[in-house]
């Protein structure tokens, strides 16, 4: 795990593929979607959120794991 200058661990940004709100659309031009933020994108929604706000997604929710 990476650490900052003051030696505190840096948590990695949440990954869309691990989020319960993430889904794949059937639209060729907008393949990825986020139900929590209600939008579709040409790239992973986490990248659009980070670019727009400068912060990682605050709506991330772990996807339930299959047994």
C-alpha atoms as a PDB file:
ATOM      1  CA  UNK A   1       0.000   0.000   0.000  1.00  0.00           C
ATOM      2  CA  UNK A   2       1.267   3.485  -0.828  1.00  0.00           C
ATOM      3  CA  UNK A   3       1.975   6.019   1.901  1.00  0.00           C
ATOM      4  CA  UNK A   4       1.855   9.806   1.999  1.00  0.00           C
ATOM      5  CA  UNK A   5       4.723  12.072   3.078  1.00  0.00           C
ATOM      6  CA  UNK A   6       3.557  11.874   6.715  1.00  0.00           C
ATOM      7  CA  UNK A   7       3.677   8.054   6.520  1.00  0.00           C
ATOM      8  CA  UNK A   8      -0.121   7.533   6.554  1.00  0.00           C
ATOM      9  CA  UNK A   9      -1.472   4.786   4.284  1.00  0.00           C
ATOM     10  CA  UNK A  10      -3.304   5.947   1.170  1.00  0.00           C
ATOM     11  CA  UNK A  11      -6.443   3.985   0.404  1.00  0.00           C
ATOM     12  CA  UNK A  12      -6.879   3.130  -3.260  1.00  0.00           C
ATOM     13  CA  UNK A  13      -9.754   4.648  -5.214  1.00  0.00           C
ATOM     14  CA  UNK A  14     -12.844   2.432  -5.305  1.00  0.00           C
ATOM     15  CA  UNK A  15     -13.112   0.317  -8.459  1.00  0.00           C
ATOM     16  CA  UNK A  16     -16.370   0.401 -10.393  1.00  0.00           C
ATOM     17  CA  UNK A  17     -16.188  -3.307 -11.120  1.00  0.00           C
ATOM     18  CA  UNK A  18     -16.458  -3.976  -7.363  1.00  0.00           C
ATOM     19  CA  UNK A  19     -19.423  -1.607  -6.854  1.00  0.00           C
ATOM     20  CA  UNK A  20     -23.079  -2.630  -6.533  1.00  0.00           C
ATOM     21  CA  UNK A  21     -24.169   0.410  -8.610  1.00  0.00           C
ATOM     22  CA  UNK A  22     -21.984  -0.386 -11.624  1.00  0.00           C
ATOM     23  CA  UNK A  23     -23.461  -2.036 -14.706  1.00  0.00           C
ATOM     24  CA  UNK A  24     -22.709  -2.678 -18.372  1.00  0.00           C
ATOM     25  CA  UNK A  25     -25.161  -1.064 -20.778  1.00  0.00           C
ATOM     26  CA  UNK A  26     -26.202  -2.341 -24.186  1.00  0.00           C
ATOM     27  CA  UNK A  27     -25.390   0.968 -25.861  1.00  0.00           C
ATOM     28  CA  UNK A  28     -22.308   0.827 -28.076  1.00  0.00           C
ATOM     29  CA  UNK A  29     -21.372   4.474 -27.435  1.00  0.00           C
ATOM     30  CA  UNK A  30     -21.911   4.417 -23.661  1.00  0.00           C
ATOM     31  CA  UNK A  31     -20.931   0.974 -22.414  1.00  0.00           C
ATOM     32  CA  UNK A  32     -20.567   1.654 -18.677  1.00  0.00           C
ATOM     33  CA  UNK A  33     -23.165   2.919 -16.222  1.00  0.00           C
ATOM     34  CA  UNK A  34     -23.646   3.976 -12.623  1.00  0.00           C
ATOM     35  CA  UNK A  35     -27.087   3.569 -11.080  1.00  0.00           C
ATOM     36  CA  UNK A  36     -26.263   5.677  -8.010  1.00  0.00           C
ATOM     37  CA  UNK A  37     -25.300   8.723 -10.069  1.00  0.00           C
ATOM     38  CA  UNK A  38     -27.703   7.865 -12.904  1.00  0.00           C
ATOM     39  CA  UNK A  39     -25.368   8.256 -15.869  1.00  0.00           C
ATOM     40  CA  UNK A  40     -23.687   6.272 -18.634  1.00  0.00           C
ATOM     41  CA  UNK A  41     -20.171   6.755 -19.915  1.00  0.00           C
ATOM     42  CA  UNK A  42     -17.662   5.687 -22.538  1.00  0.00           C
ATOM     43  CA  UNK A  43     -15.203   4.858 -19.760  1.00  0.00           C
ATOM     44  CA  UNK A  44     -15.458   3.657 -16.173  1.00  0.00           C
ATOM     45  CA  UNK A  45     -17.702   6.014 -14.171  1.00  0.00           C
ATOM     46  CA  UNK A  46     -15.042   6.337 -11.439  1.00  0.00           C
ATOM     47  CA  UNK A  47     -12.811   8.145 -13.950  1.00  0.00           C
ATOM     48  CA  UNK A  48     -15.536  10.656 -14.839  1.00  0.00           C
ATOM     49  CA  UNK A  49     -16.292  11.284 -11.159  1.00  0.00           C
ATOM     50  CA  UNK A  50     -12.613  11.814 -10.352  1.00  0.00           C
ATOM     51  CA  UNK A  51     -12.166  14.172 -13.311  1.00  0.00           C
ATOM     52  CA  UNK A  52     -15.285  16.210 -12.513  1.00  0.00           C
ATOM     53  CA  UNK A  53     -14.883  16.516  -8.742  1.00  0.00           C
ATOM     54  CA  UNK A  54     -11.220  15.765  -8.087  1.00  0.00           C
ATOM     55  CA  UNK A  55     -12.304  13.211  -5.469  1.00  0.00           C
ATOM     56  CA  UNK A  56     -12.952   9.478  -5.563  1.00  0.00           C
ATOM     57  CA  UNK A  57     -16.560   8.340  -5.781  1.00  0.00           C
ATOM     58  CA  UNK A  58     -18.500   8.715  -2.509  1.00  0.00           C
ATOM     59  CA  UNK A  59     -21.321   6.419  -3.656  1.00  0.00           C
ATOM     60  CA  UNK A  60     -19.178   3.272  -3.779  1.00  0.00           C
ATOM     61  CA  UNK A  61     -20.864   0.279  -2.176  1.00  0.00           C
ATOM     62  CA  UNK A  62     -19.257  -3.173  -2.183  1.00  0.00           C
ATOM     63  CA  UNK A  63     -20.959  -5.630  -4.462  1.00  0.00           C
ATOM     64  CA  UNK A  64     -22.219  -8.722  -2.616  1.00  0.00           C
ATOM     65  CA  UNK A  65     -19.955 -11.678  -3.354  1.00  0.00           C
ATOM     66  CA  UNK A  66     -21.320 -14.831  -4.897  1.00  0.00           C
ATOM     67  CA  UNK A  67     -20.795 -18.027  -2.921  1.00  0.00           C
END
